[in-house]
Amino acid sequence: MLAGALRLAAQRVLPPPDQTAFEEIQMGGAAYRFLGNGTLPLQFRFTTLTAAGGLAVGGNDLASLRAPFKLAGLLVLLFLLLTLRRLKVSWPVTALVVVVAATLRWFVIAAGCADEMFAPMLWVGATMWLLVGAQGDGQPSLAAAGVLGILSGVLMYEHPAYLPVVALAGGWLVWRAAVGQVRRGASARAWAAPAIFLAVLLTTACPLLSDLVHQRFDSAVFEPFRRHAAGRVVWWAEGSMPRAWHYLVALGGGPVRGDEGLAVAGTPALPPPFGALLLAAGLAGFWVGRRPPLRGMLATAVGGILIASAVAANINVARLSGLLLMLLVPFGCVVDDVLGWVARRVPSPERTGGVGRVFRVGAAGTLAVALVAFNVASIRTLVDDPRGRAMYTEDEYAVSVFITRTAQPGQTVVLWTPDASHGWAPAEQTEMIWLLHPKRLRIVGVTSLPAADTLAPGTLVVAGVQRRALTENEFGVLERLAEVSGSRDTLTSAMNLAGARSVAGFCVRCP
């Protein structure tokens, strides 16, 4: 309850509630088209379905688009809690990890926006929970193996950064089967769980695999790799190890280059104290990883970093989101082991070890308060930084919101883009279709304002620019047109998140 309340409180300021983040414009467009004509892309299929659910239930606005992803973020915290408890991590340390995850700026942003880079974290959380419980009597549960196959099939459609989690799920089941065969002798039943996992995975991912067979290297499977490799193959010798080092530094609380709104360039995406503890726990986990499958999770994180460094020419630390969530499990286990080891050595006048238990609770509570304080400070730092606000400034959204709040259903909108940074598409073509199209607006894009006598009464005239403010001259031209057309009293403007007046407009002779 506390973790959920802290998460929702943090999301009141980040990501900004009045501005889209990252890929939300495109995701809103894809979701609206699915609701309208049933078109569902292969890529990011389940993220699109999640976004469509938000629009269908709440309406066509940013809050509704984000709502199901915020709910998914809370479910991730629940899966994290259940996973740690299945691994017999003490309640104080479990609470520490969950509360820290709830307030971690990275996760606050990830769970607060409709972005395909972050949405699959829900399936990662469910996969972790099933992995640690899919063992019954030393053999993986067949039912759990089937559900793991479904989750892995879902992840196949999502961002390729989550594919290492699929490899972990399948690899862990194969490992358990192999170990069981060695311990109990040859048995076909030992391989039932991996077989079920593979069958369900292939069935779930059948449309994607069919596209791969027919399109081969032009399929949706390879499109992200071509795009992020800048159209070429990226080999280990071409900077892969420096990129891997950058990812490792980012997880350790070091500065990042700045992307996906997680951090301003040159600043850390994770609070340095937490990052240092995370890396230390990760290294220790390879030696003290008593609870299976901790070493598998750590190896997956290392492999995921190396693969991301090898196949993508650009550095985007947001790719590590699923791996960061996974690393919280060994983090919690190692912290619990360390505190337990110290607690058992605390002198106690009672045989019950009450002083040691008090120490564990107090130490976990103190660490939680300190890390949450660092998390809150990092959130406030990004919110107050003009460069941080600039990362979230998307004027296409600001202009579209201005139009939808000002225009009447069916109204003609003359949209003037002075810098002609890009042609403005009609409402049914632009990615902002989820905001513009429900009002059935007729949007006419122009690069220069028309004469006053050519504007029909009731026309909404809007001036909008990208990544800057309207100049005084541009606003003056719009203002003079409003005066000539007798509509000066309807002239209004709006500021974008960075505080720049990026849009203004008036309605021609409207009451």
Protein backbone atom coordinates (compact mmCIF):
# COMPACT_ATOMS: atom_id res chain seq x y z
CA MET A 1 0.00 0.00 0.00
CA LEU A 2 2.77 2.41 0.95
CA ALA A 3 4.76 1.60 -2.18
CA GLY A 4 1.70 2.13 -4.39
CA ALA A 5 0.90 5.44 -2.72
CA LEU A 6 4.48 6.65 -3.14
CA ARG A 7 4.50 5.62 -6.82
CA LEU A 8 1.23 7.44 -7.59
CA ALA A 9 2.42 10.53 -5.71
CA ALA A 10 5.65 10.61 -7.73
CA GLN A 11 3.73 10.22 -10.99
CA ARG A 12 1.82 13.42 -10.30
CA VAL A 13 4.93 15.30 -11.40
CA LEU A 14 6.86 12.81 -13.55
CA PRO A 15 6.34 12.12 -16.35
CA PRO A 16 4.68 15.54 -16.78
CA PRO A 17 0.90 15.02 -16.77
CA ASP A 18 0.33 17.69 -19.44
CA GLN A 19 2.88 16.52 -22.00
CA THR A 20 3.48 13.32 -23.91
CA ALA A 21 6.71 11.42 -23.37
CA PHE A 22 8.84 9.63 -25.96
CA GLU A 23 6.75 7.37 -28.21
CA GLU A 24 3.35 8.14 -26.71
CA ILE A 25 2.13 10.10 -29.72
CA GLN A 26 2.75 7.14 -32.02
CA MET A 27 1.38 4.65 -29.51
CA GLY A 28 -1.81 6.68 -29.14
CA GLY A 29 -2.19 6.73 -32.92
CA ALA A 30 -1.69 2.96 -33.22
CA ALA A 31 -4.17 2.29 -30.42
CA TYR A 32 -6.81 4.59 -31.94
CA ARG A 33 -6.47 2.95 -35.35
CA PHE A 34 -6.90 -0.47 -33.77
CA LEU A 35 -10.11 0.67 -32.08
CA GLY A 36 -11.32 2.16 -35.35
CA ASN A 37 -10.53 -0.52 -37.90
CA GLY A 38 -8.96 -3.43 -36.02
CA THR A 39 -5.49 -2.88 -37.47
CA LEU A 40 -2.99 -4.39 -35.03
CA PRO A 41 0.72 -4.21 -35.90
CA LEU A 42 3.03 -7.14 -35.27
CA GLN A 43 5.56 -4.96 -33.48
CA PHE A 44 4.62 -3.92 -29.95
CA ARG A 45 1.33 -5.79 -30.32
CA PHE A 46 0.46 -6.11 -26.66
CA THR A 47 1.63 -2.60 -25.80
CA THR A 48 -0.78 -1.36 -28.48
CA LEU A 49 -3.59 -3.45 -27.00
CA THR A 50 -2.88 -2.01 -23.56
CA ALA A 51 -3.00 1.54 -24.90
CA ALA A 52 -6.20 0.77 -26.80
CA GLY A 53 -7.78 -0.45 -23.59
CA GLY A 54 -7.03 2.88 -21.93
CA LEU A 55 -8.56 4.91 -24.77
CA ALA A 56 -11.60 2.61 -24.97
CA VAL A 57 -12.38 2.92 -21.27
CA GLY A 58 -11.32 6.47 -20.45
CA GLY A 59 -11.65 8.39 -23.71
CA ASN A 60 -9.22 10.11 -26.05
CA ASP A 61 -6.84 11.95 -23.76
CA LEU A 62 -3.37 11.49 -22.36
CA ALA A 63 -4.51 10.47 -18.87
CA SER A 64 -6.62 7.63 -20.31
CA LEU A 65 -3.79 6.52 -22.59
CA ARG A 66 -1.43 6.25 -19.63
CA ALA A 67 -3.85 4.76 -17.09
CA PRO A 68 -3.40 1.05 -17.92
CA PHE A 69 0.38 1.44 -17.94
CA LYS A 70 0.29 3.00 -14.48
CA LEU A 71 -1.80 0.06 -13.30
CA ALA A 72 0.70 -2.32 -14.88
CA GLY A 73 3.47 -0.52 -12.98
CA LEU A 74 1.71 -1.25 -9.70
CA LEU A 75 1.35 -4.90 -10.69
CA VAL A 76 5.10 -5.00 -11.35
CA LEU A 77 5.67 -3.96 -7.73
CA LEU A 78 3.32 -6.73 -6.61
CA PHE A 79 5.17 -9.34 -8.68
CA LEU A 80 8.48 -8.08 -7.26
CA LEU A 81 7.15 -8.48 -3.72
CA LEU A 82 5.82 -11.99 -4.42
CA THR A 83 9.07 -13.03 -6.09
CA LEU A 84 11.18 -11.94 -3.14
CA ARG A 85 8.88 -13.67 -0.68
CA ARG A 86 9.00 -16.88 -2.72
CA LEU A 87 12.76 -16.69 -2.36
CA LYS A 88 12.27 -16.38 1.41
CA VAL A 89 13.65 -12.86 1.62
CA SER A 90 12.68 -11.37 4.99
CA TRP A 91 9.75 -8.97 5.15
CA PRO A 92 11.91 -5.95 6.16
CA VAL A 93 14.21 -6.36 3.16
CA THR A 94 11.31 -7.15 0.83
CA ALA A 95 9.62 -3.94 1.91
CA LEU A 96 12.92 -2.08 1.40
CA VAL A 97 13.28 -3.29 -2.20
CA VAL A 98 9.64 -2.69 -3.16
CA VAL A 99 9.51 0.82 -1.68
CA VAL A 100 12.79 1.76 -3.34
CA ALA A 101 11.51 0.41 -6.67
CA ALA A 102 8.28 2.38 -6.25
CA THR A 103 10.15 5.68 -5.92
CA LEU A 104 13.05 5.02 -8.28
CA ARG A 105 12.90 7.78 -10.92
CA TRP A 106 13.67 5.33 -13.73
CA PHE A 107 10.66 3.17 -12.78
CA VAL A 108 8.40 6.12 -12.01
CA ILE A 109 8.91 7.34 -15.58
CA ALA A 110 8.75 3.85 -17.08
CA ALA A 111 5.43 3.04 -15.44
CA GLY A 112 3.93 6.45 -16.13
CA CYS A 113 3.93 6.58 -19.92
CA ALA A 114 2.64 4.56 -22.87
CA ASP A 115 6.02 3.62 -24.30
CA GLU A 116 6.91 0.28 -25.87
CA MET A 117 10.38 0.56 -24.35
CA PHE A 118 8.94 0.16 -20.84
CA ALA A 119 5.55 -1.57 -21.15
CA PRO A 120 6.94 -5.17 -21.24
CA MET A 121 8.23 -4.80 -17.68
CA LEU A 122 4.90 -6.26 -16.52
CA TRP A 123 5.61 -9.51 -18.37
CA VAL A 124 9.15 -9.54 -16.94
CA GLY A 125 7.76 -9.25 -13.42
CA ALA A 126 5.34 -12.12 -14.00
CA THR A 127 8.12 -14.21 -15.55
CA MET A 128 10.38 -13.73 -12.53
CA TRP A 129 7.61 -14.77 -10.16
CA LEU A 130 6.89 -17.92 -12.15
CA LEU A 131 10.57 -18.81 -12.56
CA VAL A 132 11.28 -18.91 -8.85
CA GLY A 133 8.13 -20.96 -8.19
CA ALA A 134 8.22 -23.30 -11.19
CA GLN A 135 10.03 -26.06 -9.35
CA GLY A 136 7.64 -28.17 -7.28
CA ASP A 137 9.38 -31.30 -5.96
CA GLY A 138 12.55 -30.45 -7.82
CA GLN A 139 10.85 -30.49 -11.23
CA PRO A 140 9.43 -27.42 -12.97
CA SER A 141 5.64 -27.23 -12.80
CA LEU A 142 4.07 -28.07 -16.16
CA ALA A 143 1.38 -25.43 -15.69
CA ALA A 144 3.99 -22.81 -14.86
CA ALA A 145 6.01 -23.86 -17.91
CA GLY A 146 2.95 -23.31 -20.09
CA VAL A 147 2.30 -19.85 -18.66
CA LEU A 148 5.99 -19.01 -19.07
CA GLY A 149 5.61 -19.99 -22.72
CA ILE A 150 2.71 -17.56 -23.10
CA LEU A 151 4.62 -14.73 -21.41
CA SER A 152 7.70 -15.40 -23.54
CA GLY A 153 5.53 -15.45 -26.66
CA VAL A 154 4.13 -12.06 -25.68
CA LEU A 155 7.64 -10.70 -25.19
CA MET A 156 8.57 -11.86 -28.70
CA TYR A 157 6.25 -9.16 -30.09
CA GLU A 158 7.65 -6.42 -27.88
CA HIS A 159 10.88 -4.44 -27.83
CA PRO A 160 13.86 -6.70 -28.65
CA ALA A 161 15.64 -5.50 -25.49
CA TYR A 162 13.41 -7.97 -23.62
CA LEU A 163 14.42 -11.05 -25.62
CA PRO A 164 17.09 -12.04 -23.03
CA VAL A 165 14.21 -12.66 -20.60
CA VAL A 166 12.78 -15.19 -23.07
CA ALA A 167 16.17 -16.89 -23.20
CA LEU A 168 16.29 -16.96 -19.38
CA ALA A 169 12.87 -18.60 -19.10
CA GLY A 170 13.64 -21.31 -21.64
CA GLY A 171 17.21 -21.80 -20.47
CA TRP A 172 16.15 -22.17 -16.85
CA LEU A 173 13.61 -24.88 -17.68
CA VAL A 174 16.19 -26.76 -19.77
CA TRP A 175 18.73 -26.45 -16.95
CA ARG A 176 16.27 -27.82 -14.39
CA ALA A 177 15.43 -30.73 -16.68
CA ALA A 178 19.10 -31.54 -17.25
CA VAL A 179 19.92 -31.36 -13.53
CA GLY A 180 16.91 -33.51 -12.68
CA GLN A 181 17.97 -36.14 -15.20
CA VAL A 182 21.46 -36.29 -13.73
CA ARG A 183 20.18 -36.60 -10.15
CA ARG A 184 17.31 -39.03 -10.75
CA GLY A 185 18.41 -40.85 -13.88
CA ALA A 186 17.12 -40.69 -17.44
CA SER A 187 13.43 -39.82 -17.66
CA ALA A 188 11.38 -38.45 -20.53
CA ARG A 189 9.16 -36.64 -18.02
CA ALA A 190 12.09 -34.42 -17.04
CA TRP A 191 11.85 -32.76 -20.44
CA ALA A 192 8.08 -32.28 -20.38
CA ALA A 193 8.28 -28.73 -19.00
CA PRO A 194 10.75 -27.43 -21.64
CA ALA A 195 8.71 -29.13 -24.36
CA ILE A 196 5.48 -27.52 -23.18
CA PHE A 197 7.23 -24.16 -22.88
CA LEU A 198 8.52 -24.36 -26.45
CA ALA A 199 5.19 -25.52 -27.88
CA VAL A 200 3.23 -22.72 -26.20
CA LEU A 201 5.88 -20.14 -27.12
CA LEU A 202 5.76 -21.09 -30.80
CA THR A 203 1.96 -21.10 -30.78
CA THR A 204 1.75 -17.67 -29.15
CA ALA A 205 4.34 -16.17 -31.48
CA CYS A 206 2.99 -17.92 -34.59
CA PRO A 207 2.00 -14.73 -36.52
CA LEU A 208 5.44 -13.24 -35.88
CA LEU A 209 7.21 -16.42 -36.94
CA SER A 210 5.05 -16.61 -40.07
CA ASP A 211 6.10 -13.07 -40.95
CA LEU A 212 9.73 -14.09 -40.42
CA VAL A 213 9.38 -17.08 -42.76
CA HIS A 214 7.74 -15.09 -45.53
CA GLN A 215 9.57 -11.76 -45.21
CA ARG A 216 12.90 -13.08 -43.94
CA PHE A 217 15.29 -10.18 -43.32
CA ASP A 218 12.53 -7.68 -44.17
CA SER A 219 10.30 -9.03 -41.40
CA ALA A 220 9.21 -7.14 -38.29
CA VAL A 221 11.66 -9.28 -36.30
CA PHE A 222 14.71 -7.66 -37.88
CA GLU A 223 13.36 -4.13 -38.39
CA PRO A 224 14.46 -2.81 -34.95
CA PHE A 225 17.95 -4.23 -35.42
CA ARG A 226 18.33 -2.55 -38.81
CA ARG A 227 17.02 0.74 -37.47
CA HIS A 228 19.22 0.88 -34.37
CA ALA A 229 22.27 -0.37 -36.23
CA ALA A 230 21.89 2.55 -38.66
CA GLY A 231 21.37 0.11 -41.52
CA ARG A 232 24.60 -1.80 -40.99
CA VAL A 233 25.90 -4.71 -38.97
CA VAL A 234 27.64 -3.64 -35.78
CA TRP A 235 30.50 -5.91 -34.79
CA TRP A 236 32.23 -6.24 -31.44
CA ALA A 237 35.29 -4.41 -32.76
CA GLU A 238 33.25 -1.33 -33.67
CA GLY A 239 32.80 0.16 -30.24
CA SER A 240 30.73 -2.58 -28.61
CA MET A 241 32.83 -2.81 -25.46
CA PRO A 242 32.81 0.97 -24.83
CA ARG A 243 29.02 0.86 -25.22
CA ALA A 244 28.83 -2.05 -22.77
CA TRP A 245 30.95 -0.07 -20.32
CA HIS A 246 28.60 2.90 -20.68
CA TYR A 247 25.61 0.69 -19.84
CA LEU A 248 27.43 -0.70 -16.82
CA VAL A 249 28.33 2.80 -15.63
CA ALA A 250 24.68 3.84 -16.00
CA LEU A 251 23.53 0.93 -13.81
CA GLY A 252 26.15 1.91 -11.27
CA GLY A 253 24.76 5.43 -10.94
CA GLY A 254 27.18 7.08 -13.33
CA PRO A 255 26.36 9.77 -15.91
CA VAL A 256 24.49 8.87 -19.10
CA ARG A 257 24.32 10.51 -22.48
CA GLY A 258 20.69 11.40 -21.95
CA ASP A 259 17.83 9.67 -23.71
CA GLU A 260 14.22 8.55 -23.23
CA GLY A 261 13.66 11.26 -20.64
CA LEU A 262 15.38 9.26 -17.90
CA ALA A 263 18.18 11.75 -17.31
CA VAL A 264 19.74 14.90 -18.69
CA ALA A 265 22.95 14.24 -20.60
CA GLY A 266 25.89 14.06 -18.23
CA THR A 267 23.78 13.24 -15.16
CA PRO A 268 22.96 9.84 -13.63
CA ALA A 269 19.79 7.92 -14.46
CA LEU A 270 20.04 6.13 -11.10
CA PRO A 271 20.97 7.77 -7.77
CA PRO A 272 24.68 6.97 -7.30
CA PRO A 273 24.28 5.42 -3.81
CA PHE A 274 21.65 3.00 -5.09
CA GLY A 275 23.61 2.28 -8.26
CA ALA A 276 26.73 1.43 -6.26
CA LEU A 277 24.76 -0.93 -4.00
CA LEU A 278 23.10 -2.52 -7.04
CA LEU A 279 26.40 -3.30 -8.74
CA ALA A 280 27.98 -4.53 -5.50
CA ALA A 281 25.02 -6.83 -4.87
CA GLY A 282 25.17 -8.06 -8.45
CA LEU A 283 28.82 -9.00 -8.15
CA ALA A 284 28.25 -10.63 -4.77
CA GLY A 285 25.27 -12.53 -6.15
CA PHE A 286 27.51 -14.65 -8.37
CA TRP A 287 29.23 -15.99 -5.25
CA VAL A 288 26.43 -16.06 -2.68
CA GLY A 289 23.51 -16.74 -5.04
CA ARG A 290 22.12 -19.58 -2.92
CA ARG A 291 18.57 -19.07 -4.10
CA PRO A 292 17.90 -20.31 -7.63
CA PRO A 293 17.73 -18.87 -10.24
CA LEU A 294 19.70 -15.81 -9.07
CA ARG A 295 22.84 -16.62 -11.01
CA GLY A 296 20.70 -17.13 -14.10
CA MET A 297 19.19 -13.67 -13.66
CA LEU A 298 22.60 -12.10 -13.21
CA ALA A 299 23.99 -13.93 -16.24
CA THR A 300 20.98 -12.76 -18.27
CA ALA A 301 21.66 -9.17 -17.25
CA VAL A 302 25.30 -9.44 -18.33
CA GLY A 303 24.34 -11.13 -21.59
CA GLY A 304 21.64 -8.55 -22.26
CA ILE A 305 24.12 -5.70 -21.84
CA LEU A 306 26.63 -7.34 -24.19
CA ILE A 307 23.99 -8.06 -26.83
CA ALA A 308 22.56 -4.53 -26.67
CA SER A 309 26.08 -3.19 -27.09
CA ALA A 310 26.75 -5.42 -30.08
CA VAL A 311 23.60 -4.98 -32.16
CA ALA A 312 22.78 -1.29 -31.63
CA ALA A 313 25.05 1.53 -32.73
CA ASN A 314 23.36 4.06 -30.45
CA ILE A 315 23.37 4.05 -26.66
CA ASN A 316 19.97 4.15 -24.98
CA VAL A 317 20.03 3.16 -21.32
CA ALA A 318 16.25 2.70 -21.36
CA ARG A 319 16.97 -0.64 -23.07
CA LEU A 320 18.12 -1.89 -19.68
CA SER A 321 14.72 -1.38 -18.01
CA GLY A 322 13.77 -5.06 -17.94
CA LEU A 323 17.25 -6.06 -16.81
CA LEU A 324 17.19 -3.44 -14.05
CA LEU A 325 13.93 -4.88 -12.74
CA MET A 326 15.45 -8.35 -12.79
CA LEU A 327 18.55 -7.14 -10.92
CA LEU A 328 16.38 -5.99 -8.01
CA VAL A 329 15.77 -9.65 -7.12
CA PRO A 330 19.43 -10.59 -6.49
CA PHE A 331 19.86 -7.15 -4.92
CA GLY A 332 17.18 -7.98 -2.35
CA CYS A 333 18.55 -11.47 -1.74
CA VAL A 334 22.12 -10.28 -1.19
CA VAL A 335 21.05 -7.44 1.12
CA ASP A 336 18.95 -9.93 3.10
CA ASP A 337 21.87 -12.34 3.37
CA VAL A 338 24.24 -9.60 4.52
CA LEU A 339 21.84 -8.19 7.12
CA GLY A 340 21.01 -11.71 8.30
CA TRP A 341 24.69 -12.57 8.65
CA VAL A 342 25.30 -9.45 10.75
CA ALA A 343 22.12 -9.95 12.80
CA ARG A 344 23.16 -13.47 13.79
CA ARG A 345 26.38 -12.06 15.22
CA VAL A 346 24.79 -9.28 17.23
CA PRO A 347 25.12 -10.18 20.93
CA SER A 348 21.72 -10.89 22.46
CA PRO A 349 20.94 -11.72 26.10
CA GLU A 350 18.10 -13.92 24.87
CA ARG A 351 18.41 -17.19 23.01
CA THR A 352 15.66 -16.01 20.66
CA GLY A 353 17.99 -13.52 19.00
CA GLY A 354 15.54 -10.67 19.46
CA VAL A 355 18.25 -8.01 19.27
CA GLY A 356 19.40 -9.39 15.93
CA ARG A 357 15.88 -9.21 14.51
CA VAL A 358 15.52 -5.65 15.72
CA PHE A 359 18.83 -4.83 14.05
CA ARG A 360 17.64 -6.31 10.73
CA VAL A 361 14.40 -4.31 10.83
CA GLY A 362 16.19 -1.12 11.85
CA ALA A 363 18.94 -1.48 9.26
CA ALA A 364 16.47 -2.23 6.46
CA GLY A 365 14.28 0.69 7.52
CA THR A 366 17.20 3.11 7.69
CA LEU A 367 18.48 2.03 4.29
CA ALA A 368 14.98 2.35 2.83
CA VAL A 369 14.54 5.89 4.15
CA ALA A 370 17.95 6.92 2.83
CA LEU A 371 17.43 5.44 -0.64
CA VAL A 372 13.90 6.83 -0.94
CA ALA A 373 15.26 10.26 -0.01
CA PHE A 374 17.83 9.97 -2.81
CA ASN A 375 15.08 8.86 -5.20
CA VAL A 376 12.82 11.78 -4.34
CA ALA A 377 15.71 14.20 -4.71
CA SER A 378 16.52 12.80 -8.16
CA ILE A 379 12.88 13.21 -9.24
CA ARG A 380 12.82 16.81 -8.04
CA THR A 381 16.14 17.51 -9.78
CA LEU A 382 14.82 16.39 -13.16
CA VAL A 383 11.49 18.20 -12.73
CA ASP A 384 13.20 21.48 -11.82
CA ASP A 385 15.87 21.29 -14.54
CA PRO A 386 14.92 23.27 -17.69
CA ARG A 387 16.85 20.72 -19.73
CA GLY A 388 14.75 17.97 -18.19
CA ARG A 389 11.52 19.76 -19.10
CA ALA A 390 12.86 20.29 -22.61
CA MET A 391 13.20 16.52 -23.04
CA TYR A 392 9.47 16.20 -22.52
CA THR A 393 8.51 19.12 -24.75
CA GLU A 394 6.70 17.85 -27.84
CA ASP A 395 5.00 20.72 -29.62
CA GLU A 396 3.03 18.47 -31.95
CA TYR A 397 1.13 17.38 -28.87
CA ALA A 398 0.86 20.92 -27.50
CA VAL A 399 -0.59 22.21 -30.80
CA SER A 400 -3.00 19.28 -31.04
CA VAL A 401 -4.24 19.80 -27.49
CA PHE A 402 -4.78 23.50 -28.20
CA ILE A 403 -6.82 22.62 -31.29
CA THR A 404 -8.94 19.97 -29.58
CA ARG A 405 -9.67 22.23 -26.60
CA THR A 406 -10.54 25.20 -28.80
CA ALA A 407 -12.25 23.71 -31.86
CA GLN A 408 -15.87 22.66 -32.14
CA PRO A 409 -16.80 19.28 -33.69
CA GLY A 410 -16.59 19.38 -37.48
CA GLN A 411 -14.86 22.77 -37.56
CA THR A 412 -12.35 23.74 -40.26
CA VAL A 413 -8.89 24.46 -38.86
CA VAL A 414 -6.31 26.45 -40.81
CA LEU A 415 -2.97 25.45 -39.29
CA TRP A 416 -0.07 27.77 -40.07
CA THR A 417 3.42 26.33 -39.50
CA PRO A 418 5.77 29.30 -40.11
CA ASP A 419 9.01 27.34 -40.06
CA ALA A 420 7.55 24.57 -42.23
CA SER A 421 9.55 22.11 -40.13
CA HIS A 422 7.32 19.39 -41.47
CA GLY A 423 4.05 19.23 -43.32
CA TRP A 424 1.08 18.84 -41.03
CA ALA A 425 -0.99 15.87 -42.10
CA PRO A 426 -4.79 15.81 -42.07
CA ALA A 427 -6.39 14.66 -38.83
CA GLU A 428 -6.99 11.14 -40.13
CA GLN A 429 -3.32 10.69 -41.11
CA THR A 430 -1.28 12.29 -38.34
CA GLU A 431 -0.15 10.25 -35.34
CA MET A 432 -2.21 12.68 -33.25
CA ILE A 433 -5.32 11.06 -34.72
CA TRP A 434 -6.35 9.91 -31.22
CA LEU A 435 -6.80 13.55 -30.18
CA LEU A 436 -7.86 15.23 -33.44
CA HIS A 437 -9.98 12.72 -35.30
CA PRO A 438 -12.79 12.19 -32.75
CA LYS A 439 -13.93 15.78 -33.39
CA ARG A 440 -13.99 15.16 -37.16
CA LEU A 441 -11.98 18.31 -37.82
CA ARG A 442 -10.95 19.42 -41.29
CA ILE A 443 -7.34 20.53 -40.89
CA VAL A 444 -5.77 22.56 -43.68
CA GLY A 445 -2.00 22.98 -43.33
CA VAL A 446 -0.47 26.18 -44.75
CA THR A 447 3.00 27.71 -44.67
CA SER A 448 1.70 31.29 -44.93
CA LEU A 449 -1.47 32.85 -43.57
CA PRO A 450 -4.31 33.42 -46.05
CA ALA A 451 -6.00 36.78 -46.60
CA ALA A 452 -8.77 37.71 -44.18
CA ASP A 453 -11.46 37.81 -46.89
CA THR A 454 -10.77 34.16 -47.79
CA LEU A 455 -11.51 32.90 -44.29
CA ALA A 456 -15.05 31.67 -43.79
CA PRO A 457 -16.81 32.57 -40.53
CA GLY A 458 -16.33 29.86 -37.92
CA THR A 459 -12.86 28.90 -39.16
CA LEU A 460 -10.26 28.29 -36.46
CA VAL A 461 -6.90 29.79 -37.43
CA VAL A 462 -3.93 28.35 -35.52
CA ALA A 463 -0.20 29.10 -35.63
CA GLY A 464 2.05 26.34 -34.31
CA VAL A 465 5.80 25.74 -34.28
CA GLN A 466 8.10 22.93 -33.22
CA ARG A 467 10.74 23.09 -30.46
CA ARG A 468 10.70 26.87 -30.17
CA ALA A 469 8.44 29.80 -29.40
CA LEU A 470 6.47 31.88 -31.86
CA THR A 471 8.49 34.99 -32.57
CA GLU A 472 7.02 38.42 -31.87
CA ASN A 473 6.80 38.98 -35.61
CA GLU A 474 4.93 35.70 -36.18
CA PHE A 475 2.52 36.38 -33.35
CA GLY A 476 2.09 39.93 -34.62
CA VAL A 477 1.12 38.65 -38.09
CA LEU A 478 -1.49 36.37 -36.53
CA GLU A 479 -2.73 39.18 -34.29
CA ARG A 480 -3.16 41.58 -37.24
CA LEU A 481 -5.10 38.95 -39.18
CA ALA A 482 -7.38 38.48 -36.18
CA GLU A 483 -7.98 42.25 -36.01
CA VAL A 484 -8.69 42.57 -39.75
CA SER A 485 -11.15 39.69 -39.61
CA GLY A 486 -12.89 41.20 -36.58
CA SER A 487 -11.89 38.36 -34.29
CA ARG A 488 -9.28 39.93 -32.00
CA ASP A 489 -11.27 39.08 -28.88
CA THR A 490 -11.03 35.34 -29.62
CA LEU A 491 -7.21 35.32 -29.94
CA THR A 492 -5.60 33.02 -27.38
CA SER A 493 -2.23 31.31 -26.96
CA ALA A 494 -0.67 28.51 -24.94
CA MET A 495 2.73 27.70 -23.50
CA ASN A 496 4.51 24.40 -23.95
CA LEU A 497 6.19 22.57 -21.07
CA ALA A 498 9.40 24.55 -21.54
CA GLY A 499 7.51 27.81 -21.06
CA ALA A 500 7.60 28.86 -24.71
CA ARG A 501 4.51 30.18 -26.49
CA SER A 502 4.49 27.59 -29.25
CA VAL A 503 0.84 27.87 -30.34
CA ALA A 504 -1.78 30.60 -30.72
CA GLY A 505 -5.03 30.94 -32.59
CA PHE A 506 -8.38 32.67 -33.07
CA CYS A 507 -11.83 31.82 -34.41
CA VAL A 508 -13.06 33.90 -37.36
CA ARG A 509 -16.12 35.92 -36.27
CA CYS A 510 -17.18 33.35 -33.70
CA PRO A 511 -19.59 34.40 -30.95
